[in-house]
Amino acid sequence: MSNKQSKQIIIVGAGPGGLATAMRLAHLGYKVQIFEAADRVGGRMRGFNDGAYGFDTGPTILQVPRLYEDLFADSGLKLSDYISFKRLEPNTRICFWDNTQLDLTSDLDAFKTQLAAMRPDLPAAFERWYEEHIRKYDASYDAYLGTPPRSILGYLRLDEILAAIPFRPWESLYQHCWRFFQDDRLVYALSYPSKYLGMHPTLSPSVFSLIPYLEFADGVWHPEGGFRNLAAAMGKAATDLGVTINLQSPIKQVWIENGQTRGIELKEGNKIQADAVVVNADFAHAVKNILPDSVRDRRYTDKKLDHMQFSCSTFMLYLGINKRYEDLPHHQIYLSEHIRRRQKPWLDDSALDETNPSFYVCNPSIIDPGNAPEGHSTLYVLVPIPNTSHNVNWGSKQKSYRDFIINRMHLLGFKDVEKHIVTETCYTAETWVDDYKVHLGAVFNLSHNWNQLGPFRPPIRSHNTKRLYWVGGAVHPGSGLITILESAKSATVFIDKDF
């Protein structure tokens, strides 16, 4: 028996980060167990069924499919044996405050044709932007996102600094896009994804312009059967590799003695030994609830967590509809005039927008009809809202806000939705706290401002407890499926080095 085969690794949480870490470790020969509180794998990606309708609950946008191919290949498996992806066209439709619209698409000629109708010089500006991002990707993806995090001094490499300077990393994402386009519609169309990193585009570092570039370059995809099926596929792959997945098995705490991880203690009281523990739970919730107070890192006390910047939450509607919207694309975003405001509360989502919020709708049944009865469909509606630190009274607001959002869906072409609703589920910030154990309901985790990037994010390898590791959206490189998969790869590197 090799040294690895004698090592027991426990992973707390079967979200995508936990599943990816389990797959990689099992392939390397470690004995891996996952303990998951819910009745299925996936974390926020686990989805749910409501009668004959199936819903994804968390991510709905799949970018950079090669990361999934690499995960399965690195684990000795073939992705296509477990799940297939469908490419979307367009990637996303953006509808603007002035009643114009723009289809973001990987058909660059078609995209430039749209830009020419907006302003004659925009196609050439886009070509310059795109060519810069080919170089930016080559210079920064592997150096920053695709490798384990380093110390602060580790990022002060002269060659990397010189390579970054031409891309003006000191700019905000808004400033970066404005420098190329000088049209607020295109600027916000390309920079709006920063909202899902917890920031307004005028506050987000410009490094995140790589997100729209990757969508142009590699497309946007949908896993057949939905993201809940992607989670199930990763769970099946993990079990095929020998991982034991224990569902409905909440833990009480990580078992730590004398600065060394010993295993976990289950809610029911049993202790299970392990040589290392990987926590794939919401970071702030886990620090506050499943780490013994005596071993908490002094950088993450309750007081210090209260002073960290967390993302907005989301108001969600999951609708089963007795009709199809075949003429509308899979992903649509309505950007209201309020996205252009640069003062609170619009800047930081510190108050509920009850007059003109931006919102997103996913219409997956047009390419994945199996999630609803024939002729029916599901709709996934997302509205950025304050997290629970801002004290919105959802007990009194939920019904009126639901009606308000339903009545706005015509702005994206979804007419008469109310008449066709068969099933309906609503989430508020409090749902994310209560049902998914997300700190403050901040579904996009810690914001990605400069003092919460790279070495300033929580560590993958614990600084003060041996053999304790973290994966997920709070650690480097950040929130989102791309970065969570990278954190899982980095965690595997650290664990393998430590053994």
Protein backbone atom coordinates (compact mmCIF):
# COMPACT_ATOMS: atom_id res chain seq x y z
CA MET A 1 0.00 0.00 0.00
CA SER A 2 1.36 3.42 -0.95
CA ASN A 3 1.55 6.22 1.60
CA LYS A 4 -1.36 7.98 -0.15
CA GLN A 5 -3.60 4.93 0.03
CA SER A 6 -3.21 4.94 3.80
CA LYS A 7 -4.30 8.59 4.10
CA GLN A 8 -7.92 9.37 4.91
CA ILE A 9 -9.26 12.70 3.63
CA ILE A 10 -12.65 14.04 4.72
CA ILE A 11 -14.41 16.72 2.69
CA VAL A 12 -17.16 18.72 4.37
CA GLY A 13 -19.74 19.65 1.74
CA ALA A 14 -20.57 18.22 -1.70
CA GLY A 15 -20.63 21.47 -3.64
CA PRO A 16 -18.75 21.65 -6.95
CA GLY A 17 -15.51 22.52 -5.14
CA GLY A 18 -15.80 19.58 -2.78
CA LEU A 19 -16.73 17.16 -5.57
CA ALA A 20 -13.87 18.34 -7.81
CA THR A 21 -11.38 18.04 -4.95
CA ALA A 22 -12.65 14.56 -4.13
CA MET A 23 -12.27 13.43 -7.74
CA ARG A 24 -8.69 14.69 -7.97
CA LEU A 25 -7.62 13.25 -4.61
CA ALA A 26 -9.23 9.88 -5.22
CA HIS A 27 -7.44 9.56 -8.55
CA LEU A 28 -4.14 10.26 -6.76
CA GLY A 29 -4.84 7.35 -4.46
CA TYR A 30 -6.20 8.95 -1.30
CA LYS A 31 -9.17 7.49 0.54
CA VAL A 32 -11.83 10.18 0.43
CA GLN A 33 -15.14 10.61 2.20
CA ILE A 34 -17.59 13.48 1.70
CA PHE A 35 -20.08 14.47 4.41
CA GLU A 36 -22.99 16.51 3.06
CA ALA A 37 -25.91 17.86 5.11
CA ALA A 38 -28.41 17.87 2.23
CA ASP A 39 -30.10 14.91 0.60
CA ARG A 40 -28.25 15.33 -2.69
CA VAL A 41 -24.92 16.60 -3.94
CA GLY A 42 -24.30 20.03 -5.46
CA GLY A 43 -24.46 22.58 -2.65
CA ARG A 44 -26.16 25.65 -4.08
CA MET A 45 -26.06 23.84 -7.43
CA ARG A 46 -28.17 20.90 -6.24
CA GLY A 47 -31.49 22.17 -7.61
CA PHE A 48 -34.93 20.85 -6.75
CA ASN A 49 -38.07 19.39 -8.28
CA ASP A 50 -41.57 20.79 -7.91
CA GLY A 51 -43.95 18.22 -9.29
CA ALA A 52 -43.10 17.67 -12.96
CA TYR A 53 -40.79 20.72 -13.08
CA GLY A 54 -37.06 20.63 -12.39
CA PHE A 55 -35.10 23.72 -11.38
CA ASP A 56 -31.49 24.74 -11.06
CA THR A 57 -31.01 26.86 -7.96
CA GLY A 58 -27.52 28.33 -8.25
CA PRO A 59 -25.27 28.72 -11.31
CA THR A 60 -26.87 28.82 -14.75
CA ILE A 61 -23.95 29.97 -16.92
CA LEU A 62 -21.25 27.48 -17.89
CA GLN A 63 -18.04 29.04 -19.15
CA VAL A 64 -14.73 27.51 -20.29
CA PRO A 65 -15.88 23.91 -20.78
CA ARG A 66 -12.28 22.72 -21.06
CA LEU A 67 -11.99 23.13 -17.27
CA TYR A 68 -14.53 20.33 -16.85
CA GLU A 69 -12.84 18.26 -19.53
CA ASP A 70 -9.52 18.76 -17.73
CA LEU A 71 -11.03 17.86 -14.35
CA PHE A 72 -12.35 14.54 -15.64
CA ALA A 73 -9.21 13.82 -17.70
CA ASP A 74 -6.95 14.60 -14.73
CA SER A 75 -9.07 12.13 -12.76
CA GLY A 76 -8.62 9.42 -15.39
CA LEU A 77 -12.17 9.81 -16.72
CA LYS A 78 -13.90 11.13 -19.81
CA LEU A 79 -16.41 13.96 -19.36
CA SER A 80 -18.64 12.76 -22.21
CA ASP A 81 -19.21 9.46 -20.40
CA TYR A 82 -21.01 11.41 -17.67
CA ILE A 83 -22.63 14.49 -19.21
CA SER A 84 -22.76 16.58 -22.38
CA PHE A 85 -22.80 20.34 -22.85
CA LYS A 86 -24.80 22.36 -25.35
CA ARG A 87 -23.46 25.61 -26.75
CA LEU A 88 -25.82 28.56 -26.58
CA GLU A 89 -26.50 31.16 -29.26
CA PRO A 90 -26.54 33.96 -28.33
CA ASN A 91 -24.52 33.79 -25.13
CA THR A 92 -26.73 36.40 -23.47
CA ARG A 93 -29.17 39.06 -24.64
CA ILE A 94 -28.85 42.41 -22.89
CA CYS A 95 -31.88 44.71 -22.93
CA PHE A 96 -31.09 48.31 -21.98
CA TRP A 97 -32.78 51.18 -20.22
CA ASP A 98 -33.35 52.95 -23.58
CA ASN A 99 -35.25 49.97 -25.13
CA THR A 100 -32.30 48.91 -27.30
CA GLN A 101 -30.76 45.46 -27.03
CA LEU A 102 -27.49 43.70 -27.76
CA ASP A 103 -26.84 39.99 -28.22
CA LEU A 104 -23.50 38.92 -26.79
CA THR A 105 -22.29 36.15 -29.06
CA SER A 106 -19.17 34.22 -29.96
CA ASP A 107 -19.98 34.87 -33.62
CA LEU A 108 -17.69 37.88 -33.66
CA ASP A 109 -18.69 39.03 -37.14
CA ALA A 110 -22.36 39.06 -36.12
CA PHE A 111 -21.44 40.89 -32.93
CA LYS A 112 -19.51 43.56 -34.82
CA THR A 113 -22.46 44.00 -37.17
CA GLN A 114 -24.59 44.88 -34.15
CA LEU A 115 -21.92 47.26 -32.90
CA ALA A 116 -21.78 49.04 -36.25
CA ALA A 117 -25.48 49.78 -35.95
CA MET A 118 -24.81 51.35 -32.54
CA ARG A 119 -21.89 53.49 -33.77
CA PRO A 120 -19.64 53.08 -36.82
CA ASP A 121 -16.33 53.05 -34.93
CA LEU A 122 -17.34 50.41 -32.38
CA PRO A 123 -16.39 47.31 -34.44
CA ALA A 124 -12.78 48.49 -34.70
CA ALA A 125 -12.78 49.38 -30.99
CA PHE A 126 -14.01 45.89 -30.18
CA GLU A 127 -11.28 44.33 -32.33
CA ARG A 128 -8.67 46.27 -30.36
CA TRP A 129 -10.30 45.18 -27.08
CA TYR A 130 -10.43 41.54 -28.15
CA GLU A 131 -6.81 41.47 -29.37
CA GLU A 132 -5.69 42.99 -26.08
CA HIS A 133 -7.53 40.27 -24.19
CA ILE A 134 -5.84 37.50 -26.09
CA ARG A 135 -2.57 38.89 -24.71
CA LYS A 136 -4.12 39.57 -21.30
CA TYR A 137 -5.34 36.01 -21.01
CA ASP A 138 -1.94 34.60 -21.96
CA ALA A 139 -0.22 36.86 -19.42
CA SER A 140 -2.58 36.49 -16.50
CA TYR A 141 -4.80 33.39 -16.46
CA ASP A 142 -2.20 30.78 -15.56
CA ALA A 143 -0.13 33.21 -13.50
CA TYR A 144 -3.05 34.34 -11.37
CA LEU A 145 -6.16 32.15 -11.69
CA GLY A 146 -4.71 28.83 -12.77
CA THR A 147 -2.04 28.33 -10.10
CA PRO A 148 -2.12 28.02 -6.30
CA PRO A 149 -2.09 31.31 -4.40
CA ARG A 150 1.22 32.73 -3.27
CA SER A 151 2.30 34.99 -0.47
CA ILE A 152 2.12 38.75 -0.98
CA LEU A 153 5.84 38.80 -1.79
CA GLY A 154 5.28 35.91 -4.18
CA TYR A 155 3.18 38.17 -6.39
CA LEU A 156 5.93 40.79 -6.63
CA ARG A 157 7.72 39.09 -9.50
CA LEU A 158 9.22 41.67 -11.81
CA ASP A 159 8.44 39.72 -14.99
CA GLU A 160 4.75 39.42 -14.06
CA ILE A 161 4.49 43.05 -13.01
CA LEU A 162 6.04 44.22 -16.30
CA ALA A 163 3.70 41.90 -18.23
CA ALA A 164 0.65 43.35 -16.40
CA ILE A 165 1.43 47.06 -16.78
CA PRO A 166 0.26 47.36 -20.42
CA PHE A 167 -3.21 46.18 -19.29
CA ARG A 168 -3.53 49.01 -16.72
CA PRO A 169 -4.64 46.86 -13.77
CA TRP A 170 -5.17 49.97 -11.65
CA GLU A 171 -8.27 50.85 -13.69
CA SER A 172 -11.75 49.88 -12.58
CA LEU A 173 -13.67 47.57 -14.87
CA TYR A 174 -15.86 50.50 -15.91
CA GLN A 175 -12.84 52.70 -16.70
CA HIS A 176 -11.27 49.90 -18.67
CA CYS A 177 -14.35 49.37 -20.86
CA TRP A 178 -15.00 53.10 -21.24
CA ARG A 179 -11.45 53.62 -22.51
CA PHE A 180 -12.30 51.40 -25.48
CA PHE A 181 -15.96 52.10 -26.18
CA GLN A 182 -17.33 55.38 -24.73
CA ASP A 183 -20.87 53.97 -24.88
CA ASP A 184 -22.54 53.16 -21.59
CA ARG A 185 -24.63 50.39 -23.10
CA LEU A 186 -21.64 48.41 -24.31
CA VAL A 187 -19.60 49.31 -21.23
CA TYR A 188 -22.23 47.94 -18.85
CA ALA A 189 -23.01 44.96 -21.08
CA LEU A 190 -19.38 43.86 -20.74
CA SER A 191 -18.87 44.89 -17.13
CA TYR A 192 -22.17 43.84 -15.52
CA PRO A 193 -20.78 40.40 -14.53
CA SER A 194 -18.92 42.24 -11.76
CA LYS A 195 -22.26 42.33 -9.89
CA TYR A 196 -21.83 38.59 -9.46
CA LEU A 197 -18.45 39.24 -7.87
CA GLY A 198 -20.06 41.50 -5.30
CA MET A 199 -19.22 44.86 -6.84
CA HIS A 200 -20.48 47.63 -9.07
CA PRO A 201 -18.46 47.92 -12.32
CA THR A 202 -17.04 51.26 -11.18
CA LEU A 203 -15.50 49.52 -8.14
CA SER A 204 -14.42 46.22 -9.68
CA PRO A 205 -10.77 45.65 -10.66
CA SER A 206 -10.32 45.56 -14.41
CA VAL A 207 -8.74 42.09 -14.29
CA PHE A 208 -12.29 40.75 -14.44
CA SER A 209 -12.64 41.88 -18.05
CA LEU A 210 -11.34 38.36 -18.68
CA ILE A 211 -14.85 37.05 -17.92
CA PRO A 212 -16.59 38.55 -20.98
CA TYR A 213 -13.52 37.75 -23.07
CA LEU A 214 -13.73 34.06 -22.13
CA GLU A 215 -17.40 34.04 -23.09
CA PHE A 216 -16.60 35.54 -26.48
CA ALA A 217 -13.67 33.18 -27.01
CA ASP A 218 -15.09 29.90 -25.66
CA GLY A 219 -18.83 30.48 -25.72
CA VAL A 220 -21.49 29.98 -23.06
CA TRP A 221 -22.78 26.45 -22.52
CA HIS A 222 -25.54 24.55 -20.76
CA PRO A 223 -25.11 21.11 -19.20
CA GLU A 224 -27.73 18.71 -20.52
CA GLY A 225 -30.23 18.14 -17.73
CA GLY A 226 -29.19 21.34 -16.01
CA PHE A 227 -26.57 22.23 -13.45
CA ARG A 228 -28.17 19.87 -10.94
CA ASN A 229 -27.36 17.11 -13.43
CA LEU A 230 -23.78 18.41 -13.66
CA ALA A 231 -23.56 18.09 -9.88
CA ALA A 232 -24.96 14.55 -10.07
CA ALA A 233 -22.45 13.69 -12.82
CA MET A 234 -19.57 14.90 -10.67
CA GLY A 235 -20.96 12.91 -7.75
CA LYS A 236 -21.18 9.78 -9.92
CA ALA A 237 -17.62 10.33 -11.13
CA ALA A 238 -16.41 10.69 -7.55
CA THR A 239 -18.10 7.47 -6.45
CA ASP A 240 -16.71 5.66 -9.52
CA LEU A 241 -13.27 6.74 -8.30
CA GLY A 242 -13.93 5.23 -4.89
CA VAL A 243 -15.16 8.27 -2.97
CA THR A 244 -17.75 7.60 -0.27
CA ILE A 245 -20.47 10.27 -0.22
CA ASN A 246 -22.47 10.47 3.00
CA LEU A 247 -25.68 12.44 2.43
CA GLN A 248 -27.89 13.89 5.18
CA SER A 249 -24.80 13.86 7.39
CA PRO A 250 -24.36 17.32 8.92
CA ILE A 251 -21.28 17.88 11.03
CA LYS A 252 -21.07 19.57 14.40
CA GLN A 253 -17.48 20.73 14.07
CA VAL A 254 -14.06 20.02 12.67
CA TRP A 255 -12.14 17.98 15.24
CA ILE A 256 -8.89 19.76 16.04
CA GLU A 257 -6.37 19.03 18.81
CA ASN A 258 -3.11 20.86 19.53
CA GLY A 259 -3.23 22.75 16.25
CA GLN A 260 -3.66 19.56 14.21
CA THR A 261 -6.79 18.43 12.35
CA ARG A 262 -7.93 15.04 13.61
CA GLY A 263 -11.19 14.61 11.68
CA ILE A 264 -14.78 15.68 12.20
CA GLU A 265 -17.52 15.36 14.79
CA LEU A 266 -20.98 14.69 13.39
CA LYS A 267 -24.12 16.37 14.70
CA GLU A 268 -25.17 13.03 16.14
CA GLY A 269 -21.97 12.98 18.22
CA ASN A 270 -19.76 10.44 16.45
CA LYS A 271 -16.17 11.40 15.75
CA ILE A 272 -14.57 10.25 12.52
CA GLN A 273 -10.80 10.34 12.21
CA ALA A 274 -9.00 11.68 9.15
CA ASP A 275 -5.50 12.74 8.18
CA ALA A 276 -6.85 15.96 6.65
CA VAL A 277 -10.13 17.84 6.34
CA VAL A 278 -11.22 19.98 3.39
CA VAL A 279 -14.08 22.36 4.11
CA ASN A 280 -16.34 23.12 1.15
CA ALA A 281 -18.95 25.05 3.10
CA ASP A 282 -19.65 28.78 2.99
CA PHE A 283 -16.46 30.18 4.54
CA ALA A 284 -17.87 32.72 6.99
CA HIS A 285 -20.67 30.40 8.10
CA ALA A 286 -18.19 27.56 8.63
CA VAL A 287 -15.70 29.71 10.54
CA LYS A 288 -18.48 30.87 12.87
CA ASN A 289 -20.22 27.52 13.28
CA ILE A 290 -18.03 24.45 12.71
CA LEU A 291 -14.58 25.59 13.84
CA PRO A 292 -13.91 25.44 17.59
CA ASP A 293 -13.53 28.98 18.93
CA SER A 294 -10.13 28.12 20.35
CA VAL A 295 -8.61 27.54 16.90
CA ARG A 296 -10.19 30.33 14.88
CA ASP A 297 -7.73 32.40 12.89
CA ARG A 298 -7.53 35.84 14.53
CA ARG A 299 -8.02 37.40 11.10
CA TYR A 300 -11.53 35.94 10.93
CA THR A 301 -13.09 36.75 14.29
CA ASP A 302 -16.77 37.75 14.26
CA LYS A 303 -15.75 41.38 14.54
CA LYS A 304 -13.39 41.18 11.58
CA LEU A 305 -15.88 39.26 9.46
CA ASP A 306 -18.37 42.04 10.18
CA HIS A 307 -15.92 44.53 8.64
CA MET A 308 -15.26 42.49 5.50
CA GLN A 309 -17.15 43.30 2.33
CA PHE A 310 -19.63 40.67 1.20
CA SER A 311 -21.64 40.51 -2.00
CA CYS A 312 -25.28 41.26 -2.52
CA SER A 313 -27.88 38.55 -2.13
CA THR A 314 -30.50 37.54 -4.69
CA PHE A 315 -34.27 37.46 -4.85
CA MET A 316 -35.22 34.34 -6.80
CA LEU A 317 -38.37 33.14 -8.53
CA TYR A 318 -38.48 29.57 -9.85
CA LEU A 319 -41.55 29.35 -12.07
CA GLY A 320 -43.20 26.37 -13.70
CA ILE A 321 -45.06 27.74 -16.75
CA ASN A 322 -47.73 26.08 -18.91
CA LYS A 323 -46.37 27.59 -22.12
CA ARG A 324 -43.07 27.98 -23.97
CA TYR A 325 -41.18 31.14 -24.88
CA GLU A 326 -39.45 29.70 -27.95
CA ASP A 327 -38.61 33.09 -29.45
CA LEU A 328 -36.62 34.25 -26.41
CA PRO A 329 -33.00 33.26 -25.69
CA HIS A 330 -31.70 31.12 -22.87
CA HIS A 331 -30.09 34.02 -20.93
CA GLN A 332 -31.38 37.59 -20.75
CA ILE A 333 -30.50 40.56 -18.56
CA TYR A 334 -32.46 43.77 -18.25
CA LEU A 335 -30.13 46.64 -17.35
CA SER A 336 -32.09 49.54 -15.92
CA GLU A 337 -31.03 53.16 -15.73
CA HIS A 338 -30.11 52.54 -12.09
CA ILE A 339 -27.02 50.54 -13.07
CA ARG A 340 -25.51 53.87 -14.15
CA ARG A 341 -25.91 55.49 -10.74
CA ARG A 342 -22.71 55.79 -8.72
CA GLN A 343 -23.95 56.61 -5.28
CA LYS A 344 -25.43 54.52 -2.49
CA PRO A 345 -27.59 52.48 -2.39
CA TRP A 346 -27.22 51.62 -6.08
CA LEU A 347 -23.47 51.41 -5.78
CA ASP A 348 -23.42 48.85 -2.97
CA ASP A 349 -26.90 47.22 -2.93
CA SER A 350 -27.47 48.59 0.55
CA ALA A 351 -31.21 49.17 0.01
CA LEU A 352 -33.90 47.31 -1.89
CA ASP A 353 -34.57 48.81 -5.32
CA GLU A 354 -38.36 48.97 -5.47
CA THR A 355 -38.64 51.24 -8.50
CA ASN A 356 -36.36 50.09 -11.35
CA PRO A 357 -34.05 47.13 -10.57
CA SER A 358 -31.98 45.28 -13.13
CA PHE A 359 -32.78 41.56 -13.32
CA TYR A 360 -31.92 38.32 -15.10
CA VAL A 361 -34.08 35.52 -16.52
CA CYS A 362 -32.97 32.06 -17.59
CA ASN A 363 -35.26 30.27 -20.04
CA PRO A 364 -33.64 26.79 -20.21
CA SER A 365 -36.52 24.76 -21.62
CA ILE A 366 -35.87 25.96 -25.16
CA ILE A 367 -32.79 23.71 -25.33
CA ASP A 368 -33.39 21.43 -22.35
CA PRO A 369 -37.11 20.54 -22.53
CA GLY A 370 -36.88 17.63 -20.12
CA ASN A 371 -37.18 19.94 -17.11
CA ALA A 372 -40.92 20.49 -17.72
CA PRO A 373 -43.93 18.65 -19.21
CA GLU A 374 -44.34 18.82 -22.97
CA GLY A 375 -45.29 22.34 -24.04
CA HIS A 376 -44.40 23.75 -20.63
CA SER A 377 -41.24 25.43 -19.39
CA THR A 378 -39.36 26.63 -16.36
CA LEU A 379 -38.15 30.15 -15.75
CA TYR A 380 -35.42 31.20 -13.33
CA VAL A 381 -35.60 34.86 -12.28
CA LEU A 382 -32.82 36.59 -10.35
CA VAL A 383 -32.79 40.11 -8.91
CA PRO A 384 -29.78 41.47 -6.97
CA ILE A 385 -30.93 42.56 -3.51
CA PRO A 386 -29.29 43.62 -0.22
CA ASN A 387 -27.76 40.89 1.91
CA THR A 388 -29.16 40.46 5.41
CA SER A 389 -26.79 43.00 6.96
CA HIS A 390 -29.11 45.68 5.53
CA ASN A 391 -32.25 44.51 7.36
CA VAL A 392 -34.93 44.27 4.68
CA ASN A 393 -38.15 42.99 6.26
CA TRP A 394 -38.95 40.16 3.88
CA GLY A 395 -41.91 39.08 5.95
CA SER A 396 -43.75 42.19 4.78
CA LYS A 397 -41.94 42.74 1.45
CA GLN A 398 -41.80 39.33 -0.21
CA LYS A 399 -45.29 39.18 -1.73
CA SER A 400 -45.33 42.75 -3.04
CA TYR A 401 -41.81 42.43 -4.43
CA ARG A 402 -42.73 39.17 -6.12
CA ASP A 403 -45.70 40.87 -7.81
CA PHE A 404 -43.49 43.81 -8.80
CA ILE A 405 -40.89 41.57 -10.47
CA ILE A 406 -43.49 39.41 -12.25
CA ASN A 407 -44.98 42.60 -13.69
CA ARG A 408 -41.55 43.67 -14.99
CA MET A 409 -40.82 40.47 -16.90
CA HIS A 410 -42.41 41.90 -20.05
CA LEU A 411 -39.29 44.08 -20.32
CA LEU A 412 -37.50 40.92 -21.46
CA GLY A 413 -40.37 39.71 -23.64
CA PHE A 414 -42.03 37.42 -21.09
CA LYS A 415 -45.61 38.59 -21.47
CA ASP A 416 -48.58 37.54 -19.34
CA VAL A 417 -46.40 35.32 -17.14
CA GLU A 418 -48.81 35.55 -14.20
CA LYS A 419 -51.56 33.85 -16.22
CA HIS A 420 -49.39 30.83 -16.97
CA ILE A 421 -47.78 30.02 -13.62
CA VAL A 422 -48.39 26.43 -12.51
CA THR A 423 -45.77 26.14 -9.74
CA GLU A 424 -43.78 28.82 -7.97
CA THR A 425 -40.97 28.98 -5.41
CA CYS A 426 -39.48 32.19 -4.06
CA TYR A 427 -36.14 32.72 -2.32
CA THR A 428 -35.05 35.83 -0.46
CA ALA A 429 -31.77 36.63 1.27
CA GLU A 430 -33.16 34.86 4.33
CA THR A 431 -33.71 31.65 2.35
CA TRP A 432 -30.04 31.55 1.42
CA VAL A 433 -29.14 31.98 5.11
CA ASP A 434 -31.62 29.46 6.50
CA ASP A 435 -31.67 26.72 3.86
CA TYR A 436 -28.18 26.96 2.37
CA LYS A 437 -26.17 28.28 5.35
CA VAL A 438 -24.82 31.23 3.37
CA HIS A 439 -23.43 34.00 5.59
CA LEU A 440 -25.65 37.10 5.23
CA GLY A 441 -27.27 35.40 2.23
CA ALA A 442 -24.31 36.81 0.25
CA VAL A 443 -24.53 34.26 -2.54
CA PHE A 444 -21.45 35.56 -4.39
CA ASN A 445 -19.43 35.39 -1.20
CA LEU A 446 -16.68 37.88 -0.31
CA SER A 447 -16.47 40.79 -2.72
CA HIS A 448 -13.45 40.97 -5.00
CA ASN A 449 -12.06 44.40 -4.21
CA TRP A 450 -8.29 44.87 -4.08
CA ASN A 451 -7.96 44.12 -0.36
CA GLN A 452 -9.91 40.86 -0.83
CA LEU A 453 -8.03 39.50 -3.85
CA GLY A 454 -5.26 36.93 -4.20
CA PRO A 455 -3.23 36.63 -0.99
CA PHE A 456 -5.78 38.83 0.81
CA ARG A 457 -8.55 36.24 0.46
CA PRO A 458 -8.89 33.46 3.03
CA PRO A 459 -6.22 30.79 2.52
CA ILE A 460 -6.78 27.43 0.86
CA ARG A 461 -4.27 25.90 3.28
CA SER A 462 -5.05 27.03 6.83
CA HIS A 463 -2.38 29.26 8.34
CA ASN A 464 -2.87 28.14 11.93
CA THR A 465 -4.23 24.57 11.78
CA LYS A 466 -2.28 21.73 10.18
CA ARG A 467 -4.05 19.61 7.58
CA LEU A 468 -7.09 21.89 7.32
CA TYR A 469 -7.96 23.18 3.85
CA TRP A 470 -10.69 25.28 2.26
CA VAL A 471 -12.25 25.27 -1.21
CA GLY A 472 -15.07 27.34 -2.64
CA GLY A 473 -15.94 30.89 -3.57
CA ALA A 474 -14.31 32.65 -0.61
CA VAL A 475 -10.76 31.46 -1.18
CA HIS A 476 -8.40 32.32 -4.04
CA PRO A 477 -9.16 32.88 -6.87
CA GLY A 478 -12.78 33.75 -5.97
CA SER A 479 -16.47 33.06 -6.54
CA GLY A 480 -17.93 31.46 -9.65
CA LEU A 481 -17.62 27.96 -11.07
CA ILE A 482 -14.43 28.71 -13.03
CA THR A 483 -12.60 29.91 -9.96
CA ILE A 484 -14.07 27.28 -7.63
CA LEU A 485 -12.75 24.54 -9.93
CA GLU A 486 -9.35 26.24 -9.84
CA SER A 487 -9.45 26.39 -6.04
CA ALA A 488 -10.11 22.63 -5.98
CA LYS A 489 -7.10 22.03 -8.19
CA SER A 490 -4.95 24.22 -5.93
CA ALA A 491 -6.20 22.46 -2.79
CA THR A 492 -5.19 19.13 -4.31
CA VAL A 493 -1.70 20.48 -5.00
CA PHE A 494 -1.32 21.64 -1.39
CA ILE A 495 -2.62 18.39 0.09
CA ASP A 496 -0.38 16.28 -2.11
CA LYS A 497 2.65 18.38 -1.14
CA ASP A 498 1.80 18.08 2.54
CA PHE A 499 1.69 14.29 2.36
